[in-house]
């Protein structure tokens, strides 16, 4: 969800037709969303690393994403 919103923010900023104040607000929101996405990615990487450490064979098995 955060990634989708981030893509929307980037799209609005790329068009360049926002007033400066709104562009700054969108930029700040984009930074927040990028950090949230980075955090989620880091957590997912840690879960994968833990799983592989517990069971090295798990790296060869298909991974089911959590909802």
C-alpha atoms as a PDB file:
ATOM      1  CA  UNK A   1       0.000   0.000   0.000  1.00  0.00           C
ATOM      2  CA  UNK A   2       2.822   2.395   0.908  1.00  0.00           C
ATOM      3  CA  UNK A   3       4.627   1.575  -2.314  1.00  0.00           C
ATOM      4  CA  UNK A   4       1.522   2.335  -4.364  1.00  0.00           C
ATOM      5  CA  UNK A   5       1.086   5.676  -2.620  1.00  0.00           C
ATOM      6  CA  UNK A   6       4.784   6.438  -3.102  1.00  0.00           C
ATOM      7  CA  UNK A   7       4.454   5.776  -6.834  1.00  0.00           C
ATOM      8  CA  UNK A   8       1.511   8.164  -6.926  1.00  0.00           C
ATOM      9  CA  UNK A   9       3.487  10.873  -5.103  1.00  0.00           C
ATOM     10  CA  UNK A  10       6.423  10.455  -7.480  1.00  0.00           C
ATOM     11  CA  UNK A  11       4.089  10.685 -10.467  1.00  0.00           C
ATOM     12  CA  UNK A  12       2.579  13.943  -9.184  1.00  0.00           C
ATOM     13  CA  UNK A  13       6.024  15.396  -8.525  1.00  0.00           C
ATOM     14  CA  UNK A  14       7.346  14.355 -11.925  1.00  0.00           C
ATOM     15  CA  UNK A  15       4.607  16.253 -13.705  1.00  0.00           C
ATOM     16  CA  UNK A  16       5.885  19.416 -12.046  1.00  0.00           C
ATOM     17  CA  UNK A  17       2.562  21.252 -12.098  1.00  0.00           C
ATOM     18  CA  UNK A  18       2.175  21.538  -8.308  1.00  0.00           C
ATOM     19  CA  UNK A  19       2.602  24.805  -6.451  1.00  0.00           C
ATOM     20  CA  UNK A  20       5.874  24.901  -4.512  1.00  0.00           C
ATOM     21  CA  UNK A  21       4.251  24.458  -1.090  1.00  0.00           C
ATOM     22  CA  UNK A  22       2.257  21.416  -2.264  1.00  0.00           C
ATOM     23  CA  UNK A  23       5.341  19.967  -3.969  1.00  0.00           C
ATOM     24  CA  UNK A  24       7.261  20.252  -0.689  1.00  0.00           C
ATOM     25  CA  UNK A  25       4.448  18.503   1.188  1.00  0.00           C
ATOM     26  CA  UNK A  26       4.371  15.740  -1.402  1.00  0.00           C
ATOM     27  CA  UNK A  27       8.148  15.394  -1.241  1.00  0.00           C
ATOM     28  CA  UNK A  28       8.037  15.058   2.563  1.00  0.00           C
ATOM     29  CA  UNK A  29       5.269  12.463   2.270  1.00  0.00           C
ATOM     30  CA  UNK A  30       7.358  10.604  -0.294  1.00  0.00           C
ATOM     31  CA  UNK A  31      10.292  10.495   2.125  1.00  0.00           C
ATOM     32  CA  UNK A  32       8.029   9.067   4.850  1.00  0.00           C
ATOM     33  CA  UNK A  33       6.672   6.435   2.476  1.00  0.00           C
ATOM     34  CA  UNK A  34      10.127   5.499   1.193  1.00  0.00           C
ATOM     35  CA  UNK A  35      11.304   4.987   4.772  1.00  0.00           C
ATOM     36  CA  UNK A  36       8.262   2.844   5.547  1.00  0.00           C
ATOM     37  CA  UNK A  37       8.912   0.731   2.447  1.00  0.00           C
ATOM     38  CA  UNK A  38      12.583   0.375   3.353  1.00  0.00           C
ATOM     39  CA  UNK A  39      11.629  -0.746   6.859  1.00  0.00           C
ATOM     40  CA  UNK A  40       9.185  -3.332   5.517  1.00  0.00           C
ATOM     41  CA  UNK A  41      11.801  -4.629   3.105  1.00  0.00           C
ATOM     42  CA  UNK A  42      14.392  -4.902   5.877  1.00  0.00           C
ATOM     43  CA  UNK A  43      11.947  -6.856   8.060  1.00  0.00           C
ATOM     44  CA  UNK A  44      11.190  -9.232   5.185  1.00  0.00           C
ATOM     45  CA  UNK A  45      14.902  -9.750   4.544  1.00  0.00           C
ATOM     46  CA  UNK A  46      15.438 -10.527   8.228  1.00  0.00           C
ATOM     47  CA  UNK A  47      12.622 -13.101   8.210  1.00  0.00           C
ATOM     48  CA  UNK A  48      14.145 -14.775   5.167  1.00  0.00           C
ATOM     49  CA  UNK A  49      17.597 -14.774   6.766  1.00  0.00           C
ATOM     50  CA  UNK A  50      16.231 -16.333   9.969  1.00  0.00           C
ATOM     51  CA  UNK A  51      14.398 -18.983   7.974  1.00  0.00           C
ATOM     52  CA  UNK A  52      17.497 -19.856   5.968  1.00  0.00           C
ATOM     53  CA  UNK A  53      19.644 -20.029   9.110  1.00  0.00           C
ATOM     54  CA  UNK A  54      17.165 -22.374  10.792  1.00  0.00           C
ATOM     55  CA  UNK A  55      16.786 -24.560   7.723  1.00  0.00           C
ATOM     56  CA  UNK A  56      19.306 -24.099   4.883  1.00  0.00           C
ATOM     57  CA  UNK A  57      17.088 -26.255   2.653  1.00  0.00           C
ATOM     58  CA  UNK A  58      14.333 -23.646   3.043  1.00  0.00           C
ATOM     59  CA  UNK A  59      16.240 -21.392   0.646  1.00  0.00           C
ATOM     60  CA  UNK A  60      15.496 -23.863  -2.134  1.00  0.00           C
ATOM     61  CA  UNK A  61      11.779 -24.101  -1.313  1.00  0.00           C
ATOM     62  CA  UNK A  62       9.105 -21.715  -2.640  1.00  0.00           C
ATOM     63  CA  UNK A  63       8.417 -18.806  -0.294  1.00  0.00           C
ATOM     64  CA  UNK A  64       4.833 -17.927   0.611  1.00  0.00           C
ATOM     65  CA  UNK A  65       4.273 -14.248   1.390  1.00  0.00           C
ATOM     66  CA  UNK A  66       2.327 -13.266   4.457  1.00  0.00           C
ATOM     67  CA  UNK A  67      -0.884 -11.347   3.877  1.00  0.00           C
END
